[in-house]
């Protein structure tokens, strides 16, 4: 566990799937508020990047041509202590997919 900037993790994960997105005409949008992207976060940045990358790869693989993948975030209302807040990262993709493909993950 270490301190990292959320933007670095998200940019690295998205860049790993850009070629696949371009091949299928899939749009990736990142709707993270600037204050979250620049914020230092304490946790396992490498593991978070792996999780984001895996989800994005699966989303791109099973999204139809011309689909989209959206990444958004919000600060939860429940804080843990005075200086500790939870960031809820939400991933979404549009289009139809074979939902059975997700059962093995």
C-alpha atoms as a PDB file:
ATOM      1  CA  UNK A   1       0.000   0.000   0.000  1.00  0.00           C
ATOM      2  CA  UNK A   2       1.267   3.402  -0.938  1.00  0.00           C
ATOM      3  CA  UNK A   3       0.135   6.867  -1.899  1.00  0.00           C
ATOM      4  CA  UNK A   4      -0.633   7.426  -5.597  1.00  0.00           C
ATOM      5  CA  UNK A   5      -2.459   9.873  -7.848  1.00  0.00           C
ATOM      6  CA  UNK A   6      -5.741   8.469  -9.172  1.00  0.00           C
ATOM      7  CA  UNK A   7      -5.212  10.069 -12.593  1.00  0.00           C
ATOM      8  CA  UNK A   8      -2.020   8.061 -13.156  1.00  0.00           C
ATOM      9  CA  UNK A   9      -3.833   4.778 -12.542  1.00  0.00           C
ATOM     10  CA  UNK A  10      -6.841   5.624 -14.722  1.00  0.00           C
ATOM     11  CA  UNK A  11      -4.743   6.931 -17.627  1.00  0.00           C
ATOM     12  CA  UNK A  12      -2.524   3.823 -17.555  1.00  0.00           C
ATOM     13  CA  UNK A  13      -5.540   1.473 -17.539  1.00  0.00           C
ATOM     14  CA  UNK A  14      -7.340   3.301 -20.355  1.00  0.00           C
ATOM     15  CA  UNK A  15      -4.203   3.467 -22.499  1.00  0.00           C
ATOM     16  CA  UNK A  16      -3.926  -0.339 -22.330  1.00  0.00           C
ATOM     17  CA  UNK A  17      -7.239  -0.794 -24.176  1.00  0.00           C
ATOM     18  CA  UNK A  18      -7.120   2.060 -26.691  1.00  0.00           C
ATOM     19  CA  UNK A  19      -6.001  -0.080 -29.639  1.00  0.00           C
ATOM     20  CA  UNK A  20      -8.878  -2.510 -29.079  1.00  0.00           C
ATOM     21  CA  UNK A  21     -11.283   0.409 -28.764  1.00  0.00           C
ATOM     22  CA  UNK A  22     -10.145   1.976 -32.013  1.00  0.00           C
ATOM     23  CA  UNK A  23     -10.509  -1.333 -33.845  1.00  0.00           C
ATOM     24  CA  UNK A  24     -14.158  -1.646 -32.772  1.00  0.00           C
ATOM     25  CA  UNK A  25     -15.049   2.039 -32.808  1.00  0.00           C
ATOM     26  CA  UNK A  26     -15.690   2.027 -29.064  1.00  0.00           C
ATOM     27  CA  UNK A  27     -15.606   5.339 -27.234  1.00  0.00           C
ATOM     28  CA  UNK A  28     -14.063   5.515 -23.773  1.00  0.00           C
ATOM     29  CA  UNK A  29     -15.116   8.498 -21.694  1.00  0.00           C
ATOM     30  CA  UNK A  30     -13.675   9.405 -18.342  1.00  0.00           C
ATOM     31  CA  UNK A  31     -16.052  11.581 -16.328  1.00  0.00           C
ATOM     32  CA  UNK A  32     -13.939  11.960 -13.219  1.00  0.00           C
ATOM     33  CA  UNK A  33     -14.011  15.359 -11.537  1.00  0.00           C
ATOM     34  CA  UNK A  34     -10.682  17.182 -11.693  1.00  0.00           C
ATOM     35  CA  UNK A  35     -10.424  17.230  -7.900  1.00  0.00           C
ATOM     36  CA  UNK A  36     -10.465  13.406  -7.843  1.00  0.00           C
ATOM     37  CA  UNK A  37      -8.049  12.960 -10.720  1.00  0.00           C
ATOM     38  CA  UNK A  38      -5.389  15.103  -9.037  1.00  0.00           C
ATOM     39  CA  UNK A  39      -6.030  13.765  -5.545  1.00  0.00           C
ATOM     40  CA  UNK A  40      -3.486  11.590  -3.816  1.00  0.00           C
ATOM     41  CA  UNK A  41      -5.013   8.305  -2.718  1.00  0.00           C
ATOM     42  CA  UNK A  42      -3.647   5.723  -0.302  1.00  0.00           C
ATOM     43  CA  UNK A  43      -3.999   2.120  -1.389  1.00  0.00           C
ATOM     44  CA  UNK A  44      -2.706  -0.454  -3.849  1.00  0.00           C
ATOM     45  CA  UNK A  45      -2.408   1.548  -7.068  1.00  0.00           C
ATOM     46  CA  UNK A  46      -0.954  -1.347  -9.054  1.00  0.00           C
ATOM     47  CA  UNK A  47      -3.816  -3.655  -8.087  1.00  0.00           C
ATOM     48  CA  UNK A  48      -6.390  -0.944  -8.856  1.00  0.00           C
ATOM     49  CA  UNK A  49      -4.808  -0.487 -12.285  1.00  0.00           C
ATOM     50  CA  UNK A  50      -5.024  -4.252 -12.894  1.00  0.00           C
ATOM     51  CA  UNK A  51      -8.687  -4.311 -11.905  1.00  0.00           C
ATOM     52  CA  UNK A  52      -9.522  -1.323 -14.111  1.00  0.00           C
ATOM     53  CA  UNK A  53      -7.572  -2.763 -17.039  1.00  0.00           C
ATOM     54  CA  UNK A  54      -9.232  -6.169 -16.715  1.00  0.00           C
ATOM     55  CA  UNK A  55     -12.698  -4.649 -16.571  1.00  0.00           C
ATOM     56  CA  UNK A  56     -11.971  -2.414 -19.543  1.00  0.00           C
ATOM     57  CA  UNK A  57     -10.575  -5.320 -21.598  1.00  0.00           C
ATOM     58  CA  UNK A  58     -13.693  -7.411 -20.924  1.00  0.00           C
ATOM     59  CA  UNK A  59     -15.976  -4.450 -21.620  1.00  0.00           C
ATOM     60  CA  UNK A  60     -14.278  -3.762 -24.946  1.00  0.00           C
ATOM     61  CA  UNK A  61     -14.213  -7.444 -25.889  1.00  0.00           C
ATOM     62  CA  UNK A  62     -17.949  -7.960 -25.327  1.00  0.00           C
ATOM     63  CA  UNK A  63     -19.207  -4.525 -26.386  1.00  0.00           C
ATOM     64  CA  UNK A  64     -20.714  -4.175 -29.826  1.00  0.00           C
ATOM     65  CA  UNK A  65     -18.995  -2.197 -32.550  1.00  0.00           C
ATOM     66  CA  UNK A  66     -19.641   1.483 -31.899  1.00  0.00           C
ATOM     67  CA  UNK A  67     -20.398   1.000 -28.187  1.00  0.00           C
ATOM     68  CA  UNK A  68     -18.977   3.035 -25.346  1.00  0.00           C
ATOM     69  CA  UNK A  69     -17.336   2.573 -21.957  1.00  0.00           C
ATOM     70  CA  UNK A  70     -17.839   5.240 -19.305  1.00  0.00           C
ATOM     71  CA  UNK A  71     -15.777   5.750 -16.150  1.00  0.00           C
ATOM     72  CA  UNK A  72     -17.147   7.975 -13.410  1.00  0.00           C
ATOM     73  CA  UNK A  73     -16.478   8.641  -9.751  1.00  0.00           C
ATOM     74  CA  UNK A  74     -18.078  10.252  -6.755  1.00  0.00           C
ATOM     75  CA  UNK A  75     -17.100  10.894  -3.165  1.00  0.00           C
ATOM     76  CA  UNK A  76     -19.265   8.884  -0.829  1.00  0.00           C
ATOM     77  CA  UNK A  77     -21.112  10.780   1.879  1.00  0.00           C
ATOM     78  CA  UNK A  78     -19.867   8.478   4.601  1.00  0.00           C
ATOM     79  CA  UNK A  79     -16.361   9.358   5.650  1.00  0.00           C
ATOM     80  CA  UNK A  80     -14.227   7.168   7.844  1.00  0.00           C
ATOM     81  CA  UNK A  81     -12.724   9.457  10.425  1.00  0.00           C
ATOM     82  CA  UNK A  82     -11.821  13.081   9.949  1.00  0.00           C
ATOM     83  CA  UNK A  83      -9.243  12.715   7.171  1.00  0.00           C
ATOM     84  CA  UNK A  84     -10.262   9.459   5.492  1.00  0.00           C
ATOM     85  CA  UNK A  85     -12.849   9.437   2.695  1.00  0.00           C
ATOM     86  CA  UNK A  86     -14.064   6.701   0.388  1.00  0.00           C
ATOM     87  CA  UNK A  87     -13.980   7.130  -3.378  1.00  0.00           C
ATOM     88  CA  UNK A  88     -16.614   5.129  -5.210  1.00  0.00           C
ATOM     89  CA  UNK A  89     -15.338   4.342  -8.717  1.00  0.00           C
ATOM     90  CA  UNK A  90     -18.077   3.296 -11.099  1.00  0.00           C
ATOM     91  CA  UNK A  91     -17.507   1.589 -14.448  1.00  0.00           C
ATOM     92  CA  UNK A  92     -20.235   1.248 -17.041  1.00  0.00           C
ATOM     93  CA  UNK A  93     -20.512   0.154 -20.627  1.00  0.00           C
ATOM     94  CA  UNK A  94     -23.354   0.502 -23.102  1.00  0.00           C
ATOM     95  CA  UNK A  95     -24.661  -1.895 -25.676  1.00  0.00           C
ATOM     96  CA  UNK A  96     -25.665  -5.524 -25.643  1.00  0.00           C
ATOM     97  CA  UNK A  97     -23.305  -8.238 -24.536  1.00  0.00           C
ATOM     98  CA  UNK A  98     -23.197 -11.896 -23.736  1.00  0.00           C
ATOM     99  CA  UNK A  99     -23.771 -11.588 -19.998  1.00  0.00           C
ATOM    100  CA  UNK A 100     -22.700 -15.207 -19.471  1.00  0.00           C
ATOM    101  CA  UNK A 101     -19.155 -14.066 -20.277  1.00  0.00           C
ATOM    102  CA  UNK A 102     -19.047 -12.224 -16.946  1.00  0.00           C
ATOM    103  CA  UNK A 103     -19.968 -15.210 -14.800  1.00  0.00           C
ATOM    104  CA  UNK A 104     -16.422 -16.575 -14.811  1.00  0.00           C
ATOM    105  CA  UNK A 105     -14.905 -13.377 -13.428  1.00  0.00           C
END
